[in-house]
N, C-alpha and C. Protein backbone atom coordinates (compact mmCIF):
# COMPACT_ATOMS: atom_id res chain seq x y z
N PHE A 1 -76.89 56.02 -128.08
CA PHE A 1 -75.85 55.71 -129.03
C PHE A 1 -75.74 56.76 -130.10
N VAL A 2 -76.90 57.27 -130.63
CA VAL A 2 -76.85 58.28 -131.68
C VAL A 2 -76.14 59.53 -131.20
N VAL A 3 -76.48 59.91 -129.95
CA VAL A 3 -75.86 61.15 -129.40
C VAL A 3 -74.34 60.96 -129.34
N SER A 4 -73.90 59.77 -128.95
CA SER A 4 -72.47 59.53 -128.79
C SER A 4 -71.70 59.76 -130.09
N LYS A 5 -72.36 59.54 -131.23
CA LYS A 5 -71.71 59.73 -132.47
C LYS A 5 -71.47 61.22 -132.80
N ASP A 6 -72.37 62.14 -132.35
CA ASP A 6 -72.24 63.57 -132.62
C ASP A 6 -71.37 64.26 -131.56
N LEU A 7 -71.27 63.67 -130.39
CA LEU A 7 -70.58 64.33 -129.30
C LEU A 7 -69.12 64.68 -129.58
N PRO A 8 -68.38 63.89 -130.29
CA PRO A 8 -66.94 64.27 -130.53
C PRO A 8 -66.90 65.65 -131.20
N ASN A 9 -67.84 66.06 -131.97
CA ASN A 9 -67.86 67.38 -132.59
C ASN A 9 -67.99 68.51 -131.58
N LYS A 10 -68.47 68.17 -130.40
CA LYS A 10 -68.68 69.15 -129.34
C LYS A 10 -67.65 69.10 -128.24
N LYS A 11 -66.72 68.15 -128.32
CA LYS A 11 -65.80 67.91 -127.20
C LYS A 11 -65.00 69.12 -126.87
N THR A 12 -64.40 69.81 -127.83
CA THR A 12 -63.57 70.92 -127.52
C THR A 12 -64.26 72.00 -126.72
N GLY A 13 -65.49 72.30 -127.12
CA GLY A 13 -66.24 73.34 -126.44
C GLY A 13 -66.67 72.92 -125.05
N ILE A 14 -67.09 71.67 -124.89
CA ILE A 14 -67.49 71.18 -123.58
C ILE A 14 -66.27 71.12 -122.66
N LYS A 15 -65.13 70.65 -123.17
CA LYS A 15 -63.92 70.57 -122.32
C LYS A 15 -63.51 72.00 -121.88
N GLN A 16 -63.54 72.92 -122.79
CA GLN A 16 -63.17 74.30 -122.42
C GLN A 16 -64.12 74.87 -121.37
N PHE A 17 -65.39 74.63 -121.52
CA PHE A 17 -66.39 75.06 -120.55
C PHE A 17 -66.04 74.49 -119.15
N ILE A 18 -65.72 73.22 -119.08
CA ILE A 18 -65.39 72.57 -117.83
C ILE A 18 -64.04 73.10 -117.30
N ASP A 19 -63.06 73.23 -118.14
CA ASP A 19 -61.75 73.75 -117.71
C ASP A 19 -61.85 75.20 -117.18
N ASP A 20 -62.81 75.94 -117.75
CA ASP A 20 -63.02 77.31 -117.29
C ASP A 20 -63.82 77.41 -115.98
N GLN A 21 -64.03 76.22 -115.37
CA GLN A 21 -64.74 76.16 -114.07
C GLN A 21 -66.16 76.68 -114.13
N LYS A 22 -66.82 76.48 -115.24
CA LYS A 22 -68.20 76.86 -115.35
C LYS A 22 -69.03 75.70 -114.94
N PRO A 23 -70.23 76.02 -114.28
CA PRO A 23 -71.01 74.94 -113.71
C PRO A 23 -71.75 74.16 -114.78
N LEU A 24 -71.82 72.83 -114.56
CA LEU A 24 -72.47 71.93 -115.49
C LEU A 24 -73.15 70.82 -114.66
N LEU A 25 -74.36 70.50 -114.98
CA LEU A 25 -75.09 69.40 -114.38
C LEU A 25 -75.30 68.35 -115.42
N ALA A 26 -74.80 67.11 -115.16
CA ALA A 26 -74.94 66.00 -116.12
C ALA A 26 -75.68 64.89 -115.47
N ILE A 27 -76.76 64.42 -116.08
CA ILE A 27 -77.62 63.39 -115.49
C ILE A 27 -77.56 62.16 -116.35
N CYS A 28 -77.36 60.99 -115.72
CA CYS A 28 -77.44 59.66 -116.33
C CYS A 28 -76.56 59.56 -117.58
N GLY A 29 -77.17 59.51 -118.81
CA GLY A 29 -76.44 59.35 -120.03
C GLY A 29 -75.45 60.47 -120.25
N GLY A 30 -75.80 61.68 -119.86
CA GLY A 30 -74.84 62.80 -119.97
C GLY A 30 -73.61 62.59 -119.04
N TYR A 31 -73.87 62.11 -117.88
CA TYR A 31 -72.82 61.73 -116.92
C TYR A 31 -71.94 60.67 -117.53
N GLN A 32 -72.54 59.61 -118.07
CA GLN A 32 -71.74 58.50 -118.68
C GLN A 32 -70.92 58.98 -119.82
N LEU A 33 -71.48 59.79 -120.70
CA LEU A 33 -70.82 60.23 -121.89
C LEU A 33 -69.71 61.25 -121.66
N LEU A 34 -69.68 61.93 -120.51
CA LEU A 34 -68.55 62.75 -120.18
C LEU A 34 -67.32 61.97 -119.83
N GLY A 35 -67.52 60.69 -119.50
CA GLY A 35 -66.44 59.80 -119.09
C GLY A 35 -65.70 59.18 -120.26
N GLN A 36 -64.96 58.15 -119.94
CA GLN A 36 -64.08 57.48 -120.89
C GLN A 36 -64.88 56.69 -121.91
N TYR A 37 -65.75 55.79 -121.38
CA TYR A 37 -66.54 54.94 -122.28
C TYR A 37 -67.67 54.28 -121.51
N TYR A 38 -68.57 53.65 -122.29
CA TYR A 38 -69.65 52.86 -121.78
C TYR A 38 -69.69 51.53 -122.45
N ILE A 39 -69.64 50.46 -121.75
CA ILE A 39 -69.72 49.10 -122.35
C ILE A 39 -71.22 48.72 -122.29
N GLY A 40 -71.82 48.60 -123.44
CA GLY A 40 -73.25 48.34 -123.51
C GLY A 40 -73.60 46.90 -123.17
N ALA A 41 -74.87 46.58 -123.14
CA ALA A 41 -75.36 45.23 -122.74
C ALA A 41 -74.87 44.20 -123.74
N ASN A 42 -74.65 44.57 -125.00
CA ASN A 42 -74.16 43.59 -125.97
C ASN A 42 -72.66 43.54 -126.09
N GLY A 43 -71.95 44.26 -125.17
CA GLY A 43 -70.50 44.23 -125.14
C GLY A 43 -69.85 45.32 -125.97
N GLU A 44 -70.68 46.11 -126.70
CA GLU A 44 -70.12 47.14 -127.53
C GLU A 44 -69.53 48.30 -126.70
N LYS A 45 -68.35 48.70 -127.02
CA LYS A 45 -67.76 49.83 -126.30
C LYS A 45 -68.10 51.16 -126.98
N ILE A 46 -68.86 51.95 -126.31
CA ILE A 46 -69.28 53.25 -126.83
C ILE A 46 -68.37 54.27 -126.21
N PRO A 47 -67.56 54.98 -127.04
CA PRO A 47 -66.62 56.00 -126.45
C PRO A 47 -67.36 57.16 -125.89
N GLY A 48 -66.89 57.60 -124.76
CA GLY A 48 -67.33 58.88 -124.20
C GLY A 48 -66.44 60.00 -124.67
N LEU A 49 -66.66 61.17 -124.13
CA LEU A 49 -65.83 62.33 -124.55
C LEU A 49 -64.43 62.21 -123.85
N ASN A 50 -64.31 61.40 -122.84
CA ASN A 50 -63.05 61.25 -122.13
C ASN A 50 -62.52 62.53 -121.56
N ILE A 51 -63.46 63.37 -121.11
CA ILE A 51 -63.15 64.63 -120.40
C ILE A 51 -62.98 64.31 -118.93
N LEU A 52 -63.87 63.49 -118.43
CA LEU A 52 -63.78 63.07 -117.02
C LEU A 52 -63.24 61.62 -116.98
N PRO A 53 -62.57 61.21 -115.89
CA PRO A 53 -61.92 59.94 -115.86
C PRO A 53 -62.74 58.70 -115.53
N HIS A 54 -64.06 58.84 -115.32
CA HIS A 54 -64.83 57.69 -114.94
C HIS A 54 -65.16 56.85 -116.21
N TYR A 55 -65.64 55.64 -115.95
CA TYR A 55 -66.08 54.72 -117.05
C TYR A 55 -67.31 53.97 -116.56
N THR A 56 -68.11 53.42 -117.51
CA THR A 56 -69.34 52.74 -117.16
C THR A 56 -69.46 51.44 -117.83
N LEU A 57 -69.91 50.47 -117.08
CA LEU A 57 -70.17 49.11 -117.53
C LEU A 57 -71.68 48.82 -117.45
N SER A 58 -72.21 48.11 -118.38
CA SER A 58 -73.63 47.68 -118.32
C SER A 58 -73.73 46.45 -117.40
N GLN A 59 -74.83 46.39 -116.68
CA GLN A 59 -75.12 45.23 -115.89
C GLN A 59 -75.78 44.14 -116.78
N ASP A 60 -75.55 42.93 -116.43
CA ASP A 60 -76.20 41.80 -117.23
C ASP A 60 -77.68 41.67 -116.98
N HIS A 61 -78.15 41.73 -115.73
CA HIS A 61 -79.51 41.36 -115.48
C HIS A 61 -80.27 42.40 -114.63
N ASN A 62 -79.66 43.37 -114.08
CA ASN A 62 -80.31 44.30 -113.18
C ASN A 62 -80.41 45.67 -113.73
N ARG A 63 -81.33 46.42 -113.12
CA ARG A 63 -81.37 47.90 -113.23
C ARG A 63 -81.41 48.40 -111.78
N PHE A 64 -80.83 49.48 -111.57
CA PHE A 64 -80.97 50.17 -110.29
C PHE A 64 -82.16 51.10 -110.39
N ILE A 65 -83.24 50.78 -109.70
CA ILE A 65 -84.46 51.56 -109.79
C ILE A 65 -84.98 51.80 -108.40
N GLY A 66 -85.32 53.06 -108.14
CA GLY A 66 -85.97 53.38 -106.85
C GLY A 66 -85.45 54.69 -106.23
N ASN A 67 -86.04 54.98 -105.10
CA ASN A 67 -85.64 56.21 -104.40
C ASN A 67 -84.24 56.03 -103.84
N ILE A 68 -83.53 57.13 -103.81
CA ILE A 68 -82.14 57.07 -103.29
C ILE A 68 -81.90 58.34 -102.41
N THR A 69 -81.13 58.10 -101.32
CA THR A 69 -80.72 59.17 -100.45
C THR A 69 -79.19 59.06 -100.34
N ILE A 70 -78.49 60.16 -100.45
CA ILE A 70 -77.06 60.20 -100.25
C ILE A 70 -76.72 61.36 -99.30
N LYS A 71 -75.54 61.27 -98.73
CA LYS A 71 -75.03 62.33 -97.90
C LYS A 71 -73.67 62.83 -98.46
N ASN A 72 -73.61 64.09 -98.71
CA ASN A 72 -72.37 64.72 -99.14
C ASN A 72 -71.45 64.84 -97.95
N GLU A 73 -70.30 64.18 -98.05
CA GLU A 73 -69.36 64.15 -96.91
C GLU A 73 -68.68 65.47 -96.66
N GLN A 74 -68.60 66.36 -97.64
CA GLN A 74 -67.94 67.65 -97.39
C GLN A 74 -68.88 68.69 -96.73
N THR A 75 -70.15 68.69 -97.21
CA THR A 75 -71.09 69.70 -96.66
C THR A 75 -71.98 69.14 -95.60
N GLY A 76 -72.11 67.79 -95.50
CA GLY A 76 -73.04 67.18 -94.61
C GLY A 76 -74.50 67.19 -95.09
N ASP A 77 -74.70 67.78 -96.23
CA ASP A 77 -76.06 67.86 -96.81
C ASP A 77 -76.51 66.45 -97.24
N GLU A 78 -77.82 66.21 -97.08
CA GLU A 78 -78.44 64.99 -97.54
C GLU A 78 -79.22 65.35 -98.83
N TYR A 79 -79.07 64.54 -99.88
CA TYR A 79 -79.72 64.74 -101.13
C TYR A 79 -80.63 63.56 -101.41
N HIS A 80 -81.75 63.84 -102.08
CA HIS A 80 -82.80 62.82 -102.36
C HIS A 80 -83.09 62.81 -103.82
N GLY A 81 -83.31 61.62 -104.42
CA GLY A 81 -83.63 61.49 -105.79
C GLY A 81 -84.25 60.15 -106.12
N PHE A 82 -84.36 59.91 -107.42
CA PHE A 82 -84.91 58.66 -107.94
C PHE A 82 -83.93 58.19 -109.03
N GLU A 83 -83.45 56.96 -108.87
CA GLU A 83 -82.51 56.42 -109.83
C GLU A 83 -83.18 55.34 -110.69
N ASN A 84 -82.75 55.31 -111.94
CA ASN A 84 -83.25 54.27 -112.89
C ASN A 84 -82.18 54.15 -113.96
N HIS A 85 -81.22 53.22 -113.70
CA HIS A 85 -80.13 53.07 -114.64
C HIS A 85 -79.59 51.63 -114.66
N ASN A 86 -79.07 51.27 -115.79
CA ASN A 86 -78.46 49.95 -115.97
C ASN A 86 -76.92 50.04 -115.79
N GLY A 87 -76.40 51.26 -116.01
CA GLY A 87 -74.99 51.43 -115.96
C GLY A 87 -74.37 51.33 -114.55
N MET A 88 -73.17 50.83 -114.45
CA MET A 88 -72.36 50.84 -113.25
C MET A 88 -71.16 51.73 -113.52
N THR A 89 -71.11 52.87 -112.88
CA THR A 89 -70.03 53.84 -113.16
C THR A 89 -69.03 53.76 -112.02
N PHE A 90 -67.75 53.84 -112.42
CA PHE A 90 -66.65 53.80 -111.47
C PHE A 90 -65.86 55.09 -111.65
N LEU A 91 -65.69 55.79 -110.55
CA LEU A 91 -64.97 57.13 -110.58
C LEU A 91 -63.47 56.96 -110.83
N GLY A 92 -62.93 58.03 -111.37
CA GLY A 92 -61.50 58.01 -111.60
C GLY A 92 -60.76 59.09 -110.86
N ASP A 93 -59.44 59.26 -111.05
CA ASP A 93 -58.65 60.26 -110.39
C ASP A 93 -59.22 61.67 -110.61
N GLY A 94 -59.22 62.40 -109.56
CA GLY A 94 -59.66 63.83 -109.63
C GLY A 94 -61.16 63.95 -109.44
N GLU A 95 -61.91 62.89 -109.41
CA GLU A 95 -63.32 62.98 -109.17
C GLU A 95 -63.59 62.56 -107.70
N ARG A 96 -64.58 63.20 -107.16
CA ARG A 96 -65.06 62.76 -105.87
C ARG A 96 -66.56 62.52 -105.98
N PRO A 97 -67.13 61.69 -105.16
CA PRO A 97 -68.58 61.42 -105.29
C PRO A 97 -69.39 62.60 -104.84
N LEU A 98 -70.56 62.74 -105.45
CA LEU A 98 -71.55 63.72 -104.99
C LEU A 98 -71.94 63.39 -103.58
N GLY A 99 -72.01 62.10 -103.27
CA GLY A 99 -72.36 61.72 -101.88
C GLY A 99 -72.15 60.19 -101.70
N LYS A 100 -72.25 59.81 -100.42
CA LYS A 100 -72.25 58.41 -100.02
C LYS A 100 -73.64 57.94 -99.94
N VAL A 101 -73.96 56.76 -100.43
CA VAL A 101 -75.30 56.21 -100.46
C VAL A 101 -75.75 55.88 -99.02
N VAL A 102 -76.87 56.45 -98.63
CA VAL A 102 -77.53 56.11 -97.36
C VAL A 102 -78.58 55.01 -97.64
N SER A 103 -79.32 55.20 -98.77
CA SER A 103 -80.23 54.14 -99.21
C SER A 103 -80.34 54.23 -100.68
N GLY A 104 -80.44 53.08 -101.33
CA GLY A 104 -80.41 53.01 -102.83
C GLY A 104 -79.16 52.31 -103.32
N HIS A 105 -78.83 52.48 -104.58
CA HIS A 105 -77.69 51.78 -105.20
C HIS A 105 -76.56 52.69 -105.58
N GLY A 106 -76.83 53.90 -106.14
CA GLY A 106 -75.76 54.81 -106.51
C GLY A 106 -75.04 54.45 -107.77
N ASN A 107 -73.80 54.85 -107.87
CA ASN A 107 -73.01 54.69 -109.12
C ASN A 107 -72.95 53.25 -109.62
N ASN A 108 -72.78 52.31 -108.72
CA ASN A 108 -72.51 50.95 -109.19
C ASN A 108 -73.02 49.87 -108.29
N GLY A 109 -73.64 50.18 -107.21
CA GLY A 109 -74.16 49.20 -106.23
C GLY A 109 -73.11 48.52 -105.42
N GLN A 110 -71.84 48.98 -105.56
CA GLN A 110 -70.73 48.29 -104.85
C GLN A 110 -70.00 49.19 -103.89
N ASP A 111 -69.60 50.39 -104.35
CA ASP A 111 -68.71 51.19 -103.52
C ASP A 111 -69.44 52.25 -102.69
N LYS A 112 -70.78 52.23 -102.69
CA LYS A 112 -71.61 53.15 -101.89
C LYS A 112 -71.41 54.65 -102.27
N THR A 113 -71.00 54.91 -103.55
CA THR A 113 -70.93 56.28 -104.05
C THR A 113 -72.02 56.57 -104.95
N GLU A 114 -72.44 57.87 -105.08
CA GLU A 114 -73.41 58.34 -106.05
C GLU A 114 -72.89 59.58 -106.66
N GLY A 115 -72.94 59.65 -108.00
CA GLY A 115 -72.58 60.79 -108.75
C GLY A 115 -71.10 61.10 -108.65
N ALA A 116 -70.75 62.26 -109.24
CA ALA A 116 -69.38 62.75 -109.30
C ALA A 116 -69.30 64.21 -109.26
N ILE A 117 -68.28 64.74 -108.63
CA ILE A 117 -67.98 66.17 -108.74
C ILE A 117 -66.57 66.30 -109.29
N TYR A 118 -66.44 67.11 -110.31
CA TYR A 118 -65.14 67.40 -110.91
C TYR A 118 -65.17 68.88 -111.27
N LYS A 119 -64.26 69.64 -110.70
CA LYS A 119 -64.26 71.11 -110.86
C LYS A 119 -65.68 71.56 -110.49
N GLU A 120 -66.42 72.22 -111.43
CA GLU A 120 -67.76 72.67 -111.18
C GLU A 120 -68.82 71.80 -111.91
N VAL A 121 -68.37 70.57 -112.26
CA VAL A 121 -69.28 69.65 -112.92
C VAL A 121 -69.89 68.75 -111.82
N TYR A 122 -71.19 68.68 -111.84
CA TYR A 122 -71.97 67.84 -110.90
C TYR A 122 -72.62 66.76 -111.79
N CYS A 123 -72.29 65.50 -111.50
CA CYS A 123 -72.88 64.37 -112.24
C CYS A 123 -73.74 63.55 -111.31
N SER A 124 -74.82 62.95 -111.83
CA SER A 124 -75.66 62.15 -110.95
C SER A 124 -76.56 61.20 -111.76
N TYR A 125 -76.97 60.19 -111.10
CA TYR A 125 -78.00 59.28 -111.64
C TYR A 125 -79.37 59.67 -111.10
N PHE A 126 -79.48 60.79 -110.37
CA PHE A 126 -80.81 61.26 -109.90
C PHE A 126 -81.58 61.73 -111.08
N HIS A 127 -82.80 61.16 -111.30
CA HIS A 127 -83.67 61.57 -112.35
C HIS A 127 -84.75 62.42 -111.71
N GLY A 128 -85.50 63.13 -112.54
CA GLY A 128 -86.56 63.92 -112.04
C GLY A 128 -86.11 65.24 -111.56
N PRO A 129 -86.77 65.76 -110.54
CA PRO A 129 -86.53 67.13 -110.09
C PRO A 129 -85.35 67.27 -109.14
N ILE A 130 -84.13 66.97 -109.61
CA ILE A 130 -82.96 67.01 -108.78
C ILE A 130 -82.78 68.41 -108.14
N LEU A 131 -83.01 69.46 -108.90
CA LEU A 131 -82.72 70.78 -108.33
C LEU A 131 -83.83 71.28 -107.46
N THR A 132 -85.07 70.93 -107.71
CA THR A 132 -86.13 71.37 -106.81
C THR A 132 -86.14 70.51 -105.55
N ARG A 133 -85.66 69.29 -105.54
CA ARG A 133 -85.67 68.47 -104.38
C ARG A 133 -84.36 68.73 -103.53
N ASN A 134 -83.39 69.32 -104.14
CA ASN A 134 -82.10 69.50 -103.53
C ASN A 134 -81.61 70.91 -103.74
N GLY A 135 -82.23 71.83 -102.93
CA GLY A 135 -81.91 73.26 -103.13
C GLY A 135 -80.53 73.67 -102.94
N GLU A 136 -79.74 72.94 -102.16
CA GLU A 136 -78.33 73.33 -101.93
C GLU A 136 -77.52 73.05 -103.22
N ILE A 137 -77.84 71.99 -103.96
CA ILE A 137 -77.21 71.80 -105.23
C ILE A 137 -77.57 72.93 -106.23
N ALA A 138 -78.85 73.27 -106.28
CA ALA A 138 -79.29 74.35 -107.15
C ALA A 138 -78.63 75.66 -106.78
N LYS A 139 -78.52 75.95 -105.46
CA LYS A 139 -77.90 77.15 -105.05
C LYS A 139 -76.42 77.21 -105.41
N HIS A 140 -75.71 76.04 -105.21
CA HIS A 140 -74.32 76.01 -105.54
C HIS A 140 -74.08 76.27 -107.01
N LEU A 141 -74.85 75.63 -107.87
CA LEU A 141 -74.69 75.83 -109.34
C LEU A 141 -75.04 77.25 -109.73
N LEU A 142 -76.07 77.79 -109.15
CA LEU A 142 -76.48 79.19 -109.42
C LEU A 142 -75.33 80.16 -108.99
N LEU A 143 -74.85 79.99 -107.78
CA LEU A 143 -73.76 80.88 -107.30
C LEU A 143 -72.53 80.73 -108.18
N ALA A 144 -72.16 79.53 -108.58
CA ALA A 144 -70.99 79.32 -109.42
C ALA A 144 -71.20 80.06 -110.76
N ALA A 145 -72.40 80.01 -111.29
CA ALA A 145 -72.68 80.69 -112.60
C ALA A 145 -72.60 82.16 -112.38
N LEU A 146 -73.16 82.71 -111.26
CA LEU A 146 -73.11 84.13 -111.01
C LEU A 146 -71.69 84.63 -110.81
N HIS A 147 -70.89 83.85 -110.08
CA HIS A 147 -69.48 84.25 -109.90
C HIS A 147 -68.71 84.28 -111.22
N LYS A 148 -69.05 83.37 -112.11
CA LYS A 148 -68.38 83.41 -113.43
C LYS A 148 -68.81 84.60 -114.24
N LYS A 149 -70.08 84.90 -114.22
CA LYS A 149 -70.65 86.00 -115.03
C LYS A 149 -70.31 87.35 -114.44
N TYR A 150 -70.32 87.43 -113.12
CA TYR A 150 -70.06 88.72 -112.41
C TYR A 150 -68.99 88.55 -111.40
N PRO A 151 -67.72 88.44 -111.82
CA PRO A 151 -66.62 88.08 -110.90
C PRO A 151 -66.36 89.12 -109.85
N ASN A 152 -66.76 90.35 -110.03
CA ASN A 152 -66.47 91.41 -109.06
C ASN A 152 -67.67 91.68 -108.11
N GLU A 153 -68.72 90.90 -108.24
CA GLU A 153 -69.89 91.08 -107.38
C GLU A 153 -69.73 90.21 -106.09
N ASP A 154 -70.30 90.71 -105.01
CA ASP A 154 -70.28 89.97 -103.76
C ASP A 154 -71.61 89.26 -103.55
N PHE A 155 -71.55 87.97 -103.56
CA PHE A 155 -72.78 87.15 -103.42
C PHE A 155 -72.80 86.49 -102.02
N SER A 156 -72.11 87.11 -101.02
CA SER A 156 -72.04 86.49 -99.76
C SER A 156 -73.34 86.51 -98.98
N ASN A 157 -74.23 87.45 -99.33
CA ASN A 157 -75.53 87.50 -98.74
C ASN A 157 -76.45 86.56 -99.46
N GLN A 158 -76.32 85.28 -99.20
CA GLN A 158 -77.04 84.25 -99.92
C GLN A 158 -78.51 84.15 -99.51
N GLU A 159 -78.93 84.90 -98.46
CA GLU A 159 -80.30 84.90 -98.10
C GLU A 159 -81.18 85.40 -99.26
N GLN A 160 -80.63 86.15 -100.14
CA GLN A 160 -81.33 86.70 -101.30
C GLN A 160 -81.61 85.51 -102.29
N LEU A 161 -80.88 84.39 -102.16
CA LEU A 161 -81.01 83.29 -103.08
C LEU A 161 -81.76 82.09 -102.51
N ILE A 162 -82.78 82.36 -101.74
CA ILE A 162 -83.58 81.28 -101.23
C ILE A 162 -84.30 80.62 -102.40
N ILE A 163 -84.13 79.37 -102.52
CA ILE A 163 -84.76 78.63 -103.62
C ILE A 163 -85.92 77.78 -103.01
N LYS A 164 -87.13 78.09 -103.49
CA LYS A 164 -88.32 77.39 -102.99
C LYS A 164 -88.87 76.58 -104.13
N PRO A 165 -89.22 75.32 -103.84
CA PRO A 165 -89.88 74.50 -104.89
C PRO A 165 -91.11 75.18 -105.41
N THR A 166 -91.38 75.02 -106.69
CA THR A 166 -92.59 75.66 -107.31
C THR A 166 -93.52 74.58 -107.79
N PHE A 167 -93.90 73.63 -106.98
CA PHE A 167 -94.84 72.64 -107.43
C PHE A 167 -96.24 73.15 -107.34
């Protein structure tokens, strides 16, 4: 809640960053606050930045907790994570899910979606080592950042960008 009070001061910069197609990874509360609003457990409506079209409702009695596996329908990649959230997020126009839930709960436990992709913004309820457990997401974000920083460079030889977990 405290963060949501300061965020409006940052909205212009964050929106410009997203509109400029720069990569951004937003997890859990960051994901929720990029959206329209979050309705808390006591019914209070906490405004988001309203940059992305999704919205989040609090559950009355449950939390979504546990391992989760999803499959990205565009790439065919399977992603693995751990979710621990009370929010139920519903995607809006222009967003597509990061993946379809294979096991776990995902965005809301109803529509079998997890996360959101909007331009180069990747949102998820995956906690913990999302990038080390899901090298393809890490590689995509890294390549997007490199293309923005060095637009005239050729990064087609992606073998140079092998990402290995460093546990």
